[in-house]
Amino acid sequence: MAGVEVWSGDGGWGLEVRAACLQDTDFTTRCEAGERHLQREGWTVPLVTPSNASISSGGPRSGIALTAVNPRTGRVIFNKVFPLGQYWAHWADLEWHLQHVAPGRVVVLAIAVSGAVGLRHAAVRLAALGSLFAFHLPPTAHWTWVFIKGGRTLSETVTLHSRGTHHAHLLLPLSSLPYPPFSEPRWHYCATHGVMGGLCDEHDPDPLPPPKPAPVARQAALAHVPIIVTAGARHQYLYYTLTTLLAAPGALHHNVLVVLGDAPPSTTSLLHLLGLNFTTVAVSGRDNEKLFRYYRAVFRLLERSFPDAPAAILLDEDVEVSPDFFSFFSQTLWLLHADPSLYCINAYSATGFSGIAHDARTLQRGSVQVEWGYAVSLDFVRDVNTKWPNELPENDTLFYDEWIFRHGGRGRECVFPEMSRTKHFGVGVNTDAWSTEIYFLNKPVMRRPHVALQNVAGMVSGPWQRRFSASLASATPLTGNPCGENFVPRINISTNFVFFYKQVRKPDGQPDWSNFYFAAKCLNAWGVSAQGLHQHVLTVRPSLHTTLFLVGTPFSPHGHLCPPHVTPWQYATLTSSEDQILIDRIRHLEIGEFHVANLNVTTDYLAHLLIQPRLQRQASDGRRRAFT
């Protein structure tokens, strides 16, 4: 039995486990004064009393703190604060972590300062796990919940409009269930690590080592291609990425090399469990400076270690891989050597956003950075390494992918699928919460393996350019408001359309993207840069049978195709009613059904729900339908 105190308030949050039974390395148990934890700004520091909250540098972080506790020892094995004082995207990261807590773990949730505003869809999962209050928390609430994953609630408390701190005290019954066989190294690891998904599921554990998947039709194309996984301290993300990677048909486990930066022992121990090759490169600095140096070291390592490889596939530690990942690359890698106008193959679609990506068989090409899951030739790696500066650039970007695009791409393009073969699910240094939710969370990903791609040979520059130009020349021009409900005709036969918008050259020589931004946003396409465009033309698929080209005229080399009777579209010429249609459409796409929940919840309302279980169930069912 362990005594637990958890508190939530304006000053942050805290968790204290007293007289916990601790586990030695030989898995004998002893009981002593337990560890005391207070989480602030992502750091764990000693807790004396809640009143010392002001000593933390920078103050407490706003959000919901998730802590996982070993149910046998009472030891904290994971904690993270999710900034759910923000409305956008971080609820998805909380959901992801909750999903990967193994059954039987003790979970502690507490609001620090403010954390209910951005809870949103995560409230559905919390209610499914047994929370009474998750659906009903107003923005000012302070809340704690202690429960067993897959089991019962041990404590749940809430204050709705308090300016202070409230505490929950409980006795944690430590589990007396027998341990799994500790002759298996995984259970040593799981005793001190949380949120590892099936690795640490005692009832249905993932197989170790991971079984070898089936081959793909063109398996020989992958035989000598190294798969470089870049990773650091986020071993929870890394395990999930590796399980999807190693399970994808065509994966060759012996070709995988995990390249670590300043990874802790928890990451290297995980890789030993999985039986994967790994190495470490030296890194220094912080944030993007550190990442710039890290990826430079990765590229140099790649050149030294695999000089004779035809190509390499690179993947970050927080990227989920489609079952079609290796089949896709097995069919496209040869393009890197056949076409000098290409510099990369991306498994991630630059243009495949929700509603405009329908055909998993179709390929596109355009001017784009390397993205989440990409392949480059070793000749390209060698060329980039000759340009990559030893010192940080003073007047250049520190985003490594943008730097590669500028200095390595040199006007060349990449091939990418209409529908992505990867999903970037992690939250990192450069995560923008709003962009993540609006553009990336719901981006369609191919979930079936062995997709036969159409006309791969036609992606080589000459055939591609002829086909692209012919499709543009024969396309039917569209006019009117691109945000209008019937802007793109609904048809059941394969048809190409083209929309010409006004695009001129600015005094600095760069194109003016203002009209493009509005036209692209109307279609739920990426409109904030030229990423994914071919010769300043954006290609989208409003339906399976419809292809739409957005052409900037006169700037695009295809702008001359605009017929004399068609006036290129300009946002400035919209009438007030047309402007309102555009604003409403973009607002819907950009903020959706923006709604801060439970603003009018009162203590009496919660009490009424608690004493009338039928009403409580009805309210929860109604809210669940609203969220889904």
Foldseek 3Di string as FASTA:
>chain_A
DWKWKWKAAQQFIWIAIAQWWDADLVRDTDTDGAATFGDAPNDTDHDDDSVVSVVDVPGGAFAKKKWWAQLAGRHTQDIDGQRQLDQFDSLLVVLLLLQLFAAFIKMKMWGYNWHLQNNFLNLLVVVVQPDLCNLFAFRQKTKMWIDTRVGGTQDIDMDHHDNGMDMDMGDRNRDPDDQDPVVQVLSSLVSRHGSQHQSPHPVRHADPQHDAEAAFPLLVLCPQAAEEEEDAAPQSLQNQQVNQQRHAHSRDQQRYEYEYEHHDVSNVVVCVRNVHHYDYDYFDDDFLLRVLVRVLRVLVCCCVPRVPGFKYKYAYSQKRFASALVVVCSLAVVLQVVAVLAFKAELFAQWQWPLFFDDQQEKAKAQAWHDGIMMGGNVLSVVVNVVRDPDDDDPDDSRNRVVCSVRRNVNGMYMYGSAHRMARSDDDSPDDRLCCRLTGPRRGHDHDHRRHHPPSVCVHPPNVVVVVLVLVLPAAEFDDQLLDPCRDPDDDAAGEYEAEAEWDADPVRHIDQVQQQLNQLSSSTDRPDRHPDHQQWHWTHSDPRYIYIYHHPPNGPSNVSDDPVDDHDDPVPDDPVSVVSSVVSSCCSRQNPSDRPNNPDDPVNSVVCVVDVVVSVVVSVVSSVVSD
